[in-house]
C-alpha atoms as a PDB file:
ATOM      1  CA  MET A   1     -85.581 124.058 -82.148  1.00  0.00           C
ATOM      2  CA  LEU A   2     -81.767 124.358 -82.054  1.00  0.00           C
ATOM      3  CA  THR A   3     -79.613 122.766 -84.917  1.00  0.00           C
ATOM      4  CA  LEU A   4     -76.026 121.627 -83.689  1.00  0.00           C
ATOM      5  CA  SER A   5     -73.356 120.383 -85.728  1.00  0.00           C
ATOM      6  CA  GLY A   6     -69.701 119.116 -85.775  1.00  0.00           C
ATOM      7  CA  PRO A   7     -67.852 117.471 -82.822  1.00  0.00           C
ATOM      8  CA  GLY A   8     -68.738 117.305 -79.486  1.00  0.00           C
ATOM      9  CA  GLY A   9     -67.083 120.516 -78.224  1.00  0.00           C
ATOM     10  CA  ALA A  10     -68.318 122.617 -80.927  1.00  0.00           C
ATOM     11  CA  ARG A  11     -71.873 121.475 -80.642  1.00  0.00           C
ATOM     12  CA  GLY A  12     -71.874 121.971 -76.902  1.00  0.00           C
ATOM     13  CA  PHE A  13     -70.385 125.301 -77.384  1.00  0.00           C
ATOM     14  CA  GLY A  14     -72.926 126.447 -79.764  1.00  0.00           C
ATOM     15  CA  HIS A  15     -75.748 125.130 -77.473  1.00  0.00           C
ATOM     16  CA  GLY A  16     -74.358 126.935 -74.676  1.00  0.00           C
ATOM     17  CA  GLN A  17     -73.720 130.147 -76.365  1.00  0.00           C
ATOM     18  CA  ALA A  18     -77.147 130.401 -78.100  1.00  0.00           C
ATOM     19  CA  ARG A  19     -79.061 129.483 -74.887  1.00  0.00           C
ATOM     20  CA  ALA A  20     -76.947 130.883 -72.225  1.00  0.00           C
ATOM     21  CA  GLY A  21     -79.562 133.048 -70.508  1.00  0.00           C
ATOM     22  CA  GLN A  22     -82.126 129.986 -70.701  1.00  0.00           C
ATOM     23  CA  ILE A  23     -79.416 127.763 -69.172  1.00  0.00           C
ATOM     24  CA  ALA A  24     -78.958 130.158 -66.230  1.00  0.00           C
ATOM     25  CA  ASP A  25     -82.411 130.185 -65.806  1.00  0.00           C
ATOM     26  CA  THR A  26     -83.051 126.657 -65.954  1.00  0.00           C
ATOM     27  CA  GLY A  27     -80.393 125.896 -63.731  1.00  0.00           C
ATOM     28  CA  ARG A  28     -81.596 128.287 -61.022  1.00  0.00           C
ATOM     29  CA  ALA A  29     -85.043 126.457 -61.405  1.00  0.00           C
ATOM     30  CA  LEU A  30     -83.552 123.368 -60.857  1.00  0.00           C
ATOM     31  CA  ARG A  31     -81.560 124.497 -57.758  1.00  0.00           C
ATOM     32  CA  GLN A  32     -84.699 125.758 -56.110  1.00  0.00           C
ATOM     33  CA  HIS A  33     -86.481 122.555 -56.852  1.00  0.00           C
ATOM     34  CA  LEU A  34     -83.643 120.659 -55.146  1.00  0.00           C
ATOM     35  CA  ILE A  35     -83.494 122.852 -52.030  1.00  0.00           C
ATOM     36  CA  VAL A  36     -87.302 122.576 -51.638  1.00  0.00           C
ATOM     37  CA  ASN A  37     -86.738 118.798 -51.509  1.00  0.00           C
ATOM     38  CA  GLY A  38     -84.397 119.181 -48.669  1.00  0.00           C
ATOM     39  CA  VAL A  39     -81.158 118.565 -50.758  1.00  0.00           C
ATOM     40  CA  ASP A  40     -77.906 120.163 -50.278  1.00  0.00           C
ATOM     41  CA  VAL A  41     -77.201 121.280 -53.868  1.00  0.00           C
ATOM     42  CA  ASP A  42     -73.748 122.217 -53.540  1.00  0.00           C
ATOM     43  CA  ALA A  43     -72.814 119.074 -52.122  1.00  0.00           C
ATOM     44  CA  VAL A  44     -74.697 117.118 -54.774  1.00  0.00           C
ATOM     45  CA  ALA A  45     -72.769 119.408 -57.337  1.00  0.00           C
ATOM     46  CA  ASP A  46     -69.435 118.496 -55.789  1.00  0.00           C
ATOM     47  CA  ARG A  47     -70.139 115.053 -55.481  1.00  0.00           C
ATOM     48  CA  LEU A  48     -71.074 114.724 -59.259  1.00  0.00           C
ATOM     49  CA  LEU A  49     -67.975 116.585 -60.223  1.00  0.00           C
ATOM     50  CA  HIS A  50     -65.734 114.519 -58.293  1.00  0.00           C
ATOM     51  CA  SER A  51     -67.409 111.256 -58.942  1.00  0.00           C
ATOM     52  CA  GLU A  52     -66.591 108.445 -61.477  1.00  0.00           C
ATOM     53  CA  LEU A  53     -69.644 109.513 -63.619  1.00  0.00           C
ATOM     54  CA  ALA A  54     -67.427 112.293 -65.266  1.00  0.00           C
ATOM     55  CA  GLN A  55     -64.645 109.943 -65.940  1.00  0.00           C
ATOM     56  CA  THR A  56     -67.004 107.171 -67.056  1.00  0.00           C
ATOM     57  CA  ALA A  57     -68.808 109.495 -69.453  1.00  0.00           C
ATOM     58  CA  ARG A  58     -65.376 110.838 -70.712  1.00  0.00           C
ATOM     59  CA  SER A  59     -63.968 107.350 -71.139  1.00  0.00           C
ATOM     60  CA  LEU A  60     -66.981 105.577 -72.972  1.00  0.00           C
ATOM     61  CA  THR A  61     -68.646 108.486 -74.774  1.00  0.00           C
ATOM     62  CA  PRO A  62     -65.646 111.008 -75.193  1.00  0.00           C
ATOM     63  CA  ASP A  63     -67.450 113.177 -78.123  1.00  0.00           C
ATOM     64  CA  LEU A  64     -70.508 113.614 -75.853  1.00  0.00           C
ATOM     65  CA  TRP A  65     -68.489 114.469 -72.837  1.00  0.00           C
ATOM     66  CA  GLU A  66     -66.564 117.091 -74.764  1.00  0.00           C
ATOM     67  CA  GLU A  67     -70.338 118.359 -75.614  1.00  0.00           C
ATOM     68  CA  VAL A  68     -71.031 118.972 -71.797  1.00  0.00           C
ATOM     69  CA  ILE A  69     -67.641 120.557 -71.501  1.00  0.00           C
ATOM     70  CA  GLY A  70     -68.525 122.826 -74.486  1.00  0.00           C
ATOM     71  CA  LEU A  71     -71.886 123.616 -73.059  1.00  0.00           C
ATOM     72  CA  ALA A  72     -70.301 125.072 -70.018  1.00  0.00           C
ATOM     73  CA  ALA A  73     -67.753 127.038 -72.009  1.00  0.00           C
ATOM     74  CA  GLY A  74     -70.478 128.332 -74.291  1.00  0.00           C
ATOM     75  CA  ALA A  75     -72.907 129.291 -71.684  1.00  0.00           C
ATOM     76  CA  ASN A  76     -69.885 130.643 -69.296  1.00  0.00           C
ATOM     77  CA  VAL A  77     -71.070 128.699 -66.413  1.00  0.00           C
ATOM     78  CA  ASP A  78     -69.208 126.270 -64.021  1.00  0.00           C
ATOM     79  CA  LEU A  79     -69.037 122.661 -65.193  1.00  0.00           C
ATOM     80  CA  GLU A  80     -70.905 121.492 -62.029  1.00  0.00           C
ATOM     81  CA  GLU A  81     -73.936 123.661 -63.234  1.00  0.00           C
ATOM     82  CA  ILE A  82     -74.078 121.753 -66.419  1.00  0.00           C
ATOM     83  CA  MET A  83     -73.523 118.420 -64.636  1.00  0.00           C
ATOM     84  CA  LEU A  84     -76.473 119.197 -62.642  1.00  0.00           C
ATOM     85  CA  LEU A  85     -78.798 119.752 -65.620  1.00  0.00           C
ATOM     86  CA  CYS A  86     -77.271 116.620 -67.539  1.00  0.00           C
ATOM     87  CA  PHE A  87     -77.207 114.017 -64.756  1.00  0.00           C
ATOM     88  CA  LEU A  88     -81.130 114.323 -64.389  1.00  0.00           C
ATOM     89  CA  ASP A  89     -81.933 110.552 -63.603  1.00  0.00           C
ATOM     90  CA  GLU A  90     -78.707 110.250 -61.091  1.00  0.00           C
ATOM     91  CA  VAL A  91     -79.837 113.379 -59.340  1.00  0.00           C
ATOM     92  CA  TRP A  92     -83.417 112.218 -59.063  1.00  0.00           C
ATOM     93  CA  SER A  93     -82.093 109.537 -56.704  1.00  0.00           C
ATOM     94  CA  PHE A  94     -81.901 112.359 -54.169  1.00  0.00           C
ATOM     95  CA  THR A  95     -85.445 113.546 -54.772  1.00  0.00           C
ATOM     96  CA  GLY A  96     -87.672 111.002 -56.015  1.00  0.00           C
ATOM     97  CA  GLY A  97     -90.448 111.731 -58.319  1.00  0.00           C
ATOM     98  CA  LEU A  98     -89.758 109.220 -61.038  1.00  0.00           C
ATOM     99  CA  GLY A  99     -92.170 108.981 -64.077  1.00  0.00           C
ATOM    100  CA  CYS A 100     -92.449 108.527 -67.695  1.00  0.00           C
ATOM    101  CA  SER A 101     -94.665 105.967 -69.743  1.00  0.00           C
ATOM    102  CA  VAL A 102     -93.293 104.161 -73.019  1.00  0.00           C
ATOM    103  CA  VAL A 103     -95.182 102.292 -75.585  1.00  0.00           C
ATOM    104  CA  ALA A 104     -94.230 101.030 -78.989  1.00  0.00           C
ATOM    105  CA  ARG A 105     -95.936  98.908 -81.770  1.00  0.00           C
ATOM    106  CA  MET A 106     -94.032  97.577 -84.727  1.00  0.00           C
ATOM    107  CA  ARG A 107     -97.074  97.648 -87.247  1.00  0.00           C
ATOM    108  CA  ASP A 108     -97.444 101.365 -87.017  1.00  0.00           C
ATOM    109  CA  ARG A 109     -93.526 102.177 -87.088  1.00  0.00           C
ATOM    110  CA  PHE A 110     -94.566 104.056 -83.641  1.00  0.00           C
ATOM    111  CA  ILE A 111     -92.506 104.595 -80.343  1.00  0.00           C
ATOM    112  CA  GLY A 112     -93.556 107.222 -78.073  1.00  0.00           C
ATOM    113  CA  GLN A 113     -93.432 108.318 -74.344  1.00  0.00           C
ATOM    114  CA  THR A 114     -94.697 110.701 -71.876  1.00  0.00           C
ATOM    115  CA  MET A 115     -91.496 112.586 -70.565  1.00  0.00           C
ATOM    116  CA  ASP A 116     -92.721 113.334 -67.025  1.00  0.00           C
ATOM    117  CA  LEU A 117     -90.337 116.040 -65.654  1.00  0.00           C
ATOM    118  CA  PRO A 118     -90.541 117.903 -62.354  1.00  0.00           C
ATOM    119  CA  ILE A 119     -92.386 121.199 -62.470  1.00  0.00           C
ATOM    120  CA  TRP A 120     -89.264 123.491 -62.753  1.00  0.00           C
ATOM    121  CA  ALA A 121     -89.005 122.224 -66.421  1.00  0.00           C
ATOM    122  CA  ALA A 122     -92.407 123.720 -67.471  1.00  0.00           C
ATOM    123  CA  GLY A 123     -92.044 126.077 -70.311  1.00  0.00           C
ATOM    124  CA  ARG A 124     -88.323 125.289 -70.494  1.00  0.00           C
ATOM    125  CA  LEU A 125     -88.307 122.726 -73.216  1.00  0.00           C
ATOM    126  CA  LEU A 126     -86.010 122.483 -76.054  1.00  0.00           C
ATOM    127  CA  VAL A 127     -85.487 120.220 -79.233  1.00  0.00           C
ATOM    128  CA  LEU A 128     -81.913 119.540 -80.519  1.00  0.00           C
ATOM    129  CA  ARG A 129     -81.432 118.703 -84.197  1.00  0.00           C
ATOM    130  CA  ILE A 130     -77.772 116.955 -84.188  1.00  0.00           C
ATOM    131  CA  GLN A 131     -76.053 116.915 -87.546  1.00  0.00           C
ATOM    132  CA  SER A 132     -73.039 114.854 -88.165  1.00  0.00           C
ATOM    133  CA  ASP A 133     -71.186 113.308 -91.129  1.00  0.00           C
ATOM    134  CA  LEU A 134     -70.522 110.067 -88.981  1.00  0.00           C
ATOM    135  CA  ALA A 135     -74.048 109.343 -87.721  1.00  0.00           C
ATOM    136  CA  PRO A 136     -77.629 109.639 -88.755  1.00  0.00           C
ATOM    137  CA  THR A 137     -79.061 113.161 -87.959  1.00  0.00           C
ATOM    138  CA  GLY A 138     -80.703 112.976 -84.585  1.00  0.00           C
ATOM    139  CA  LEU A 139     -83.801 114.820 -83.228  1.00  0.00           C
ATOM    140  CA  VAL A 140     -83.557 115.024 -79.451  1.00  0.00           C
ATOM    141  CA  MET A 141     -85.889 116.164 -76.833  1.00  0.00           C
ATOM    142  CA  SER A 142     -84.303 118.322 -74.203  1.00  0.00           C
ATOM    143  CA  TYR A 143     -84.036 121.644 -72.098  1.00  0.00           C
ATOM    144  CA  PRO A 144     -81.328 124.164 -72.201  1.00  0.00           C
ATOM    145  CA  GLY A 145     -78.122 122.837 -70.684  1.00  0.00           C
ATOM    146  CA  MET A 146     -79.167 119.274 -71.201  1.00  0.00           C
ATOM    147  CA  ILE A 147     -77.693 117.089 -74.242  1.00  0.00           C
ATOM    148  CA  GLY A 148     -80.909 114.987 -74.435  1.00  0.00           C
ATOM    149  CA  LEU A 149     -83.839 112.993 -72.852  1.00  0.00           C
ATOM    150  CA  CYS A 150     -85.214 110.957 -75.671  1.00  0.00           C
ATOM    151  CA  GLY A 151     -85.622 111.264 -79.616  1.00  0.00           C
ATOM    152  CA  ALA A 152     -85.249 109.639 -82.903  1.00  0.00           C
ATOM    153  CA  ASN A 153     -82.702 109.662 -85.785  1.00  0.00           C
ATOM    154  CA  SER A 154     -82.885 109.897 -89.444  1.00  0.00           C
ATOM    155  CA  ALA A 155     -82.030 106.116 -89.888  1.00  0.00           C
ATOM    156  CA  GLY A 156     -85.507 105.228 -88.406  1.00  0.00           C
ATOM    157  CA  LEU A 157     -84.194 104.540 -84.993  1.00  0.00           C
ATOM    158  CA  GLY A 158     -86.163 105.817 -81.909  1.00  0.00           C
ATOM    159  CA  VAL A 159     -85.468 105.643 -78.335  1.00  0.00           C
ATOM    160  CA  ALA A 160     -87.780 106.214 -75.325  1.00  0.00           C
ATOM    161  CA  VAL A 161     -86.637 105.808 -71.731  1.00  0.00           C
ATOM    162  CA  ASN A 162     -88.067 105.445 -68.341  1.00  0.00           C
ATOM    163  CA  ALA A 163     -86.530 105.367 -64.780  1.00  0.00           C
ATOM    164  CA  LEU A 164     -86.767 102.175 -62.953  1.00  0.00           C
ATOM    165  CA  GLU A 165     -87.805 102.693 -59.058  1.00  0.00           C
ATOM    166  CA  GLN A 166     -85.900  99.583 -57.723  1.00  0.00           C
ATOM    167  CA  PHE A 167     -82.312 100.612 -58.475  1.00  0.00           C
ATOM    168  CA  GLN A 168     -80.146 102.702 -56.520  1.00  0.00           C
ATOM    169  CA  ALA A 169     -77.660 105.083 -58.532  1.00  0.00           C
ATOM    170  CA  ASP A 170     -74.101 104.049 -58.843  1.00  0.00           C
ATOM    171  CA  SER A 171     -71.607 106.784 -59.482  1.00  0.00           C
ATOM    172  CA  ASN A 172     -69.177 104.257 -61.252  1.00  0.00           C
ATOM    173  CA  GLY A 173     -71.709 103.834 -64.232  1.00  0.00           C
ATOM    174  CA  LEU A 174     -72.442 105.733 -67.451  1.00  0.00           C
ATOM    175  CA  GLY A 175     -75.284 108.377 -67.200  1.00  0.00           C
ATOM    176  CA  VAL A 176     -78.520 107.921 -68.784  1.00  0.00           C
ATOM    177  CA  THR A 177     -78.411 110.913 -71.098  1.00  0.00           C
ATOM    178  CA  PHE A 178     -74.913 109.751 -72.355  1.00  0.00           C
ATOM    179  CA  ILE A 179     -76.548 106.233 -73.034  1.00  0.00           C
ATOM    180  CA  MET A 180     -79.360 107.666 -74.882  1.00  0.00           C
ATOM    181  CA  ARG A 181     -77.535 109.980 -77.178  1.00  0.00           C
ATOM    182  CA  HIS A 182     -75.122 107.075 -78.090  1.00  0.00           C
ATOM    183  CA  LEU A 183     -78.064 105.095 -78.970  1.00  0.00           C
ATOM    184  CA  LEU A 184     -79.301 107.849 -81.395  1.00  0.00           C
ATOM    185  CA  THR A 185     -76.037 107.301 -83.202  1.00  0.00           C
ATOM    186  CA  LEU A 186     -77.057 103.755 -84.215  1.00  0.00           C
ATOM    187  CA  THR A 187     -79.231 102.034 -86.809  1.00  0.00           C
ATOM    188  CA  SER A 188     -80.405  98.717 -85.662  1.00  0.00           C
ATOM    189  CA  LEU A 189     -81.364  96.722 -82.572  1.00  0.00           C
ATOM    190  CA  ALA A 190     -78.288  94.607 -82.856  1.00  0.00           C
ATOM    191  CA  GLN A 191     -76.189  97.737 -82.247  1.00  0.00           C
ATOM    192  CA  ALA A 192     -78.323  98.807 -79.499  1.00  0.00           C
ATOM    193  CA  ALA A 193     -78.153  95.623 -77.711  1.00  0.00           C
ATOM    194  CA  GLN A 194     -74.335  95.373 -78.069  1.00  0.00           C
ATOM    195  CA  PHE A 195     -73.969  98.796 -76.603  1.00  0.00           C
ATOM    196  CA  LEU A 196     -76.322  98.324 -73.696  1.00  0.00           C
ATOM    197  CA  THR A 197     -74.862  95.079 -72.725  1.00  0.00           C
ATOM    198  CA  SER A 198     -71.187  96.436 -72.585  1.00  0.00           C
ATOM    199  CA  VAL A 199     -71.481  99.448 -70.659  1.00  0.00           C
ATOM    200  CA  PRO A 200     -71.918  99.974 -67.018  1.00  0.00           C
ATOM    201  CA  HIS A 201     -75.091 101.644 -65.748  1.00  0.00           C
ATOM    202  CA  ALA A 202     -75.297 104.545 -63.340  1.00  0.00           C
ATOM    203  CA  ALA A 203     -79.214 104.608 -62.768  1.00  0.00           C
ATOM    204  CA  GLY A 204     -82.071 102.362 -63.232  1.00  0.00           C
ATOM    205  CA  GLN A 205     -83.461 102.738 -66.748  1.00  0.00           C
ATOM    206  CA  ALA A 206     -85.704 100.887 -69.130  1.00  0.00           C
ATOM    207  CA  TYR A 207     -84.430 101.788 -72.766  1.00  0.00           C
ATOM    208  CA  THR A 208     -87.121 101.127 -75.558  1.00  0.00           C
ATOM    209  CA  VAL A 209     -85.708 101.045 -78.855  1.00  0.00           C
ATOM    210  CA  SER A 210     -87.546 100.860 -82.212  1.00  0.00           C
ATOM    211  CA  ALA A 211     -85.501 100.350 -85.503  1.00  0.00           C
ATOM    212  CA  SER A 212     -85.882  98.843 -88.773  1.00  0.00           C
ATOM    213  CA  ASP A 213     -85.282  95.377 -87.703  1.00  0.00           C
ATOM    214  CA  GLY A 214     -87.933  95.692 -84.925  1.00  0.00           C
ATOM    215  CA  ILE A 215     -88.823  96.878 -81.388  1.00  0.00           C
ATOM    216  CA  ALA A 216     -87.187  96.007 -77.805  1.00  0.00           C
ATOM    217  CA  THR A 217     -86.786  96.939 -74.448  1.00  0.00           C
ATOM    218  CA  TRP A 218     -83.878  96.602 -72.164  1.00  0.00           C
ATOM    219  CA  GLU A 219     -84.440  96.913 -68.281  1.00  0.00           C
ATOM    220  CA  CYS A 220     -80.758  98.456 -67.160  1.00  0.00           C
ATOM    221  CA  GLY A 221     -79.098  99.360 -63.818  1.00  0.00           C
ATOM    222  CA  PRO A 222     -75.983  99.096 -61.924  1.00  0.00           C
ATOM    223  CA  GLY A 223     -75.008  95.189 -62.143  1.00  0.00           C
ATOM    224  CA  GLN A 224     -77.786  94.348 -64.554  1.00  0.00           C
ATOM    225  CA  VAL A 225     -78.918  94.487 -67.940  1.00  0.00           C
ATOM    226  CA  GLN A 226     -81.655  92.161 -69.389  1.00  0.00           C
ATOM    227  CA  GLN A 227     -83.585  92.423 -72.627  1.00  0.00           C
ATOM    228  CA  ILE A 228     -87.261  91.819 -71.429  1.00  0.00           C
ATOM    229  CA  THR A 229     -88.985  91.440 -75.118  1.00  0.00           C
ATOM    230  CA  ALA A 230     -89.103  88.516 -77.113  1.00  0.00           C
ATOM    231  CA  PRO A 231     -86.812  88.981 -80.267  1.00  0.00           C
ATOM    232  CA  SER A 232     -89.990  89.068 -82.684  1.00  0.00           C
ATOM    233  CA  VAL A 233     -92.231  91.264 -80.227  1.00  0.00           C
ATOM    234  CA  ALA A 234     -94.827  93.210 -82.240  1.00  0.00           C
ATOM    235  CA  GLN A 235     -95.700  95.664 -79.487  1.00  0.00           C
ATOM    236  CA  CYS A 236     -94.644  96.607 -75.803  1.00  0.00           C
ATOM    237  CA  ALA A 237     -95.130  98.990 -72.941  1.00  0.00           C
ATOM    238  CA  HIS A 238     -93.050  99.962 -69.903  1.00  0.00           C
ATOM    239  CA  THR A 239     -93.246 102.395 -67.098  1.00  0.00           C
ATOM    240  CA  ASN A 240     -91.343 102.783 -63.803  1.00  0.00           C
ATOM    241  CA  HIS A 241     -90.921  99.210 -62.399  1.00  0.00           C
ATOM    242  CA  LEU A 242     -89.499  95.967 -63.213  1.00  0.00           C
ATOM    243  CA  LEU A 243     -91.839  93.922 -65.312  1.00  0.00           C
ATOM    244  CA  ALA A 244     -90.870  90.741 -63.573  1.00  0.00           C
ATOM    245  CA  ASN A 245     -90.897  92.104 -60.271  1.00  0.00           C
ATOM    246  CA  GLN A 246     -93.423  94.585 -59.045  1.00  0.00           C
ATOM    247  CA  ALA A 247     -91.954  94.711 -55.515  1.00  0.00           C
ATOM    248  CA  ASN A 248     -91.578  98.303 -54.198  1.00  0.00           C
ATOM    249  CA  SER A 249     -93.550  99.509 -57.164  1.00  0.00           C
ATOM    250  CA  THR A 250     -95.844 102.580 -56.764  1.00  0.00           C
ATOM    251  CA  ARG A 251     -99.356 102.532 -57.514  1.00  0.00           C
ATOM    252  CA  SER A 252     -99.028 105.023 -60.393  1.00  0.00           C
ATOM    253  CA  SER A 253     -96.477 102.946 -62.379  1.00  0.00           C
ATOM    254  CA  ILE A 254     -98.653  99.793 -62.161  1.00  0.00           C
ATOM    255  CA  ARG A 255    -101.850 101.783 -63.178  1.00  0.00           C
ATOM    256  CA  ARG A 256    -100.127 103.409 -66.063  1.00  0.00           C
ATOM    257  CA  LEU A 257     -98.708 100.266 -67.374  1.00  0.00           C
ATOM    258  CA  ALA A 258    -102.190  98.631 -67.202  1.00  0.00           C
ATOM    259  CA  ALA A 259    -103.598 101.512 -69.371  1.00  0.00           C
ATOM    260  CA  LEU A 260    -100.912 101.214 -71.835  1.00  0.00           C
ATOM    261  CA  GLN A 261    -101.248  97.585 -72.201  1.00  0.00           C
ATOM    262  CA  ARG A 262    -104.928  97.948 -72.587  1.00  0.00           C
ATOM    263  CA  ALA A 263    -104.494 100.217 -75.303  1.00  0.00           C
ATOM    264  CA  LEU A 264    -102.310  97.850 -77.298  1.00  0.00           C
ATOM    265  CA  ASP A 265    -104.630  94.805 -76.644  1.00  0.00           C
ATOM    266  CA  ASP A 266    -107.625  96.833 -77.811  1.00  0.00           C
ATOM    267  CA  ASP A 267    -105.695  98.522 -80.844  1.00  0.00           C
ATOM    268  CA  LEU A 268    -106.168 101.896 -79.900  1.00  0.00           C
ATOM    269  CA  ASP A 269    -104.489 104.948 -81.117  1.00  0.00           C
ATOM    270  CA  LEU A 270    -101.446 105.296 -79.305  1.00  0.00           C
ATOM    271  CA  ARG A 271    -101.185 108.901 -79.765  1.00  0.00           C
ATOM    272  CA  GLN A 272    -104.345 109.534 -78.156  1.00  0.00           C
ATOM    273  CA  THR A 273    -103.436 107.217 -75.220  1.00  0.00           C
ATOM    274  CA  LEU A 274    -100.213 108.910 -74.372  1.00  0.00           C
ATOM    275  CA  SER A 275    -101.997 112.160 -74.511  1.00  0.00           C
ATOM    276  CA  HIS A 276    -104.648 111.008 -72.060  1.00  0.00           C
ATOM    277  CA  GLU A 277    -101.810 109.721 -69.640  1.00  0.00           C
ATOM    278  CA  VAL A 278    -100.860 113.443 -69.057  1.00  0.00           C
ATOM    279  CA  VAL A 279    -103.706 113.952 -66.616  1.00  0.00           C
ATOM    280  CA  LEU A 280    -101.920 111.753 -64.120  1.00  0.00           C
ATOM    281  CA  THR A 281     -99.118 114.186 -63.683  1.00  0.00           C
ATOM    282  CA  ASP A 282    -101.000 117.547 -64.474  1.00  0.00           C
ATOM    283  CA  PRO A 283     -99.146 120.028 -62.319  1.00  0.00           C
ATOM    284  CA  ARG A 284    -102.395 121.704 -61.716  1.00  0.00           C
ATOM    285  CA  THR A 285    -103.570 118.649 -59.811  1.00  0.00           C
ATOM    286  CA  SER A 286    -100.466 116.981 -58.607  1.00  0.00           C
ATOM    287  CA  ASN A 287     -97.432 117.695 -56.937  1.00  0.00           C
ATOM    288  CA  SER A 288     -95.258 115.266 -58.926  1.00  0.00           C
ATOM    289  CA  GLY A 289     -94.457 117.507 -61.925  1.00  0.00           C
ATOM    290  CA  VAL A 290     -95.292 118.125 -65.559  1.00  0.00           C
ATOM    291  CA  THR A 291     -95.594 115.896 -68.401  1.00  0.00           C
ATOM    292  CA  PHE A 292     -93.466 116.750 -71.674  1.00  0.00           C
ATOM    293  CA  ALA A 293     -95.389 114.234 -74.017  1.00  0.00           C
ATOM    294  CA  ALA A 294     -92.638 113.374 -76.530  1.00  0.00           C
ATOM    295  CA  PHE A 295     -94.266 111.233 -79.364  1.00  0.00           C
ATOM    296  CA  ILE A 296     -92.148 109.771 -82.222  1.00  0.00           C
ATOM    297  CA  ALA A 297     -94.640 108.667 -85.024  1.00  0.00           C
ATOM    298  CA  ASN A 298     -96.070 109.605 -88.485  1.00  0.00           C
ATOM    299  CA  PRO A 299     -97.846 112.890 -87.751  1.00  0.00           C
ATOM    300  CA  PRO A 300    -101.623 113.125 -88.387  1.00  0.00           C
ATOM    301  CA  ALA A 301    -102.601 115.450 -91.298  1.00  0.00           C
ATOM    302  CA  GLU A 302    -103.694 118.485 -89.093  1.00  0.00           C
ATOM    303  CA  TYR A 303    -100.141 119.073 -87.793  1.00  0.00           C
ATOM    304  CA  VAL A 304     -97.620 121.386 -89.527  1.00  0.00           C
ATOM    305  CA  ASP A 305     -94.571 120.060 -91.086  1.00  0.00           C
ATOM    306  CA  PHE A 306     -91.062 121.461 -91.006  1.00  0.00           C
ATOM    307  CA  ALA A 307     -87.827 120.221 -92.729  1.00  0.00           C
ATOM    308  CA  ASP A 308     -86.686 116.708 -92.535  1.00  0.00           C
ATOM    309  CA  GLY A 309     -89.947 115.245 -91.599  1.00  0.00           C
ATOM    310  CA  ILE A 310     -89.954 117.032 -88.326  1.00  0.00           C
ATOM    311  CA  THR A 311     -93.476 118.206 -86.984  1.00  0.00           C
ATOM    312  CA  LEU A 312     -93.671 120.262 -83.652  1.00  0.00           C
ATOM    313  CA  ARG A 313     -96.782 121.372 -81.956  1.00  0.00           C
ATOM    314  CA  SER A 314     -97.414 122.916 -78.377  1.00  0.00           C
ATOM    315  CA  GLY A 315    -100.625 120.790 -77.346  1.00  0.00           C
ATOM    316  CA  SER A 316    -101.547 122.990 -74.013  1.00  0.00           C
ATOM    317  CA  PRO A 317     -99.754 124.847 -71.318  1.00  0.00           C
ATOM    318  CA  VAL A 318     -99.216 121.262 -69.845  1.00  0.00           C
ATOM    319  CA  TRP A 319     -97.656 119.266 -72.602  1.00  0.00           C
ATOM    320  CA  GLU A 320     -95.986 119.355 -75.947  1.00  0.00           C
ATOM    321  CA  SER A 321     -95.806 116.921 -78.739  1.00  0.00           C
ATOM    322  CA  ILE A 322     -93.157 116.079 -81.223  1.00  0.00           C
ATOM    323  CA  TYR A 323     -93.337 113.873 -84.271  1.00  0.00           C
ATOM    324  CA  TYR A 324     -90.480 112.689 -86.394  1.00  0.00           C
ATOM    325  CA  GLY A 325     -91.284 110.683 -89.572  1.00  0.00           C
ATOM    326  CA  ALA A 326     -91.768 111.079 -93.157  1.00  0.00           C
ATOM    327  CA  THR A 327     -88.551 110.180 -94.870  1.00  0.00           C
ATOM    328  CA  ALA A 328     -87.513 107.798 -91.939  1.00  0.00           C
ATOM    329  CA  ASN A 329     -90.623 105.996 -91.875  1.00  0.00           C
ATOM    330  CA  HIS A 330     -90.638 106.523 -88.259  1.00  0.00           C
END
């Protein structure tokens, strides 16, 4: 776990300086993964650097863009290397391999997901604690060189994400990691809705948000933002396809959604359900990658507590679990 505080540039520099060796290692692993998938990595990096992605992030989330700049400076690497690590969903448009399953239940104050990452991320995972005088403390799942994947904050707001297969990336939009991190500075569904509907989206992504005023999912992509849950929904699940349109959906996405919906309907333990979902993307039996199972919930008694209601535990060589709860009732 790495604690970061201050303005964006200082946070990024601290992250980069503290994990410079791991950032270089993670960057090499990602590059090799892209090369194996037939991607011209230098061309993609150059495209990221000179696309509107950087300008959009700088314009709409300037503090987070400064965090990216600071990361590169602290790690003493070129900015395009950090952009490759941060624009994960946008780079996936070149390689495929979309994953992640999300489930939430308001009664339990539970939101959780599997974070299905490519195999290059195995053993390179990191938790960031983001402290600020201007926003709730955030606990963010990540890896070295990345500003965040999903997480929760001390106001009881959690954000889970999954990629949507039907959208093509748009370099004029705001990157997923910047949207997710900004959501973690908020405190309510109303604020989340206002933000998600006001920014352009670079990649197809479903954002499920749980807060004190309820839970909701938005399906977002270039030119489209739609809240797909009713205002007073008690529970929801999402995988990697548009719920109203299963055309061009993978069998995996449909199967995972059905399994999560059965768990909700049968009132099963959602932690256990997400733990079992990992076998669908076990790197020992699949070419698709590794699952980083990220749970945001009230932890069971056998887990060891850290400060601020944080519980971290490595569940197996395949997946890890994280809980953030207690004081935030989340």
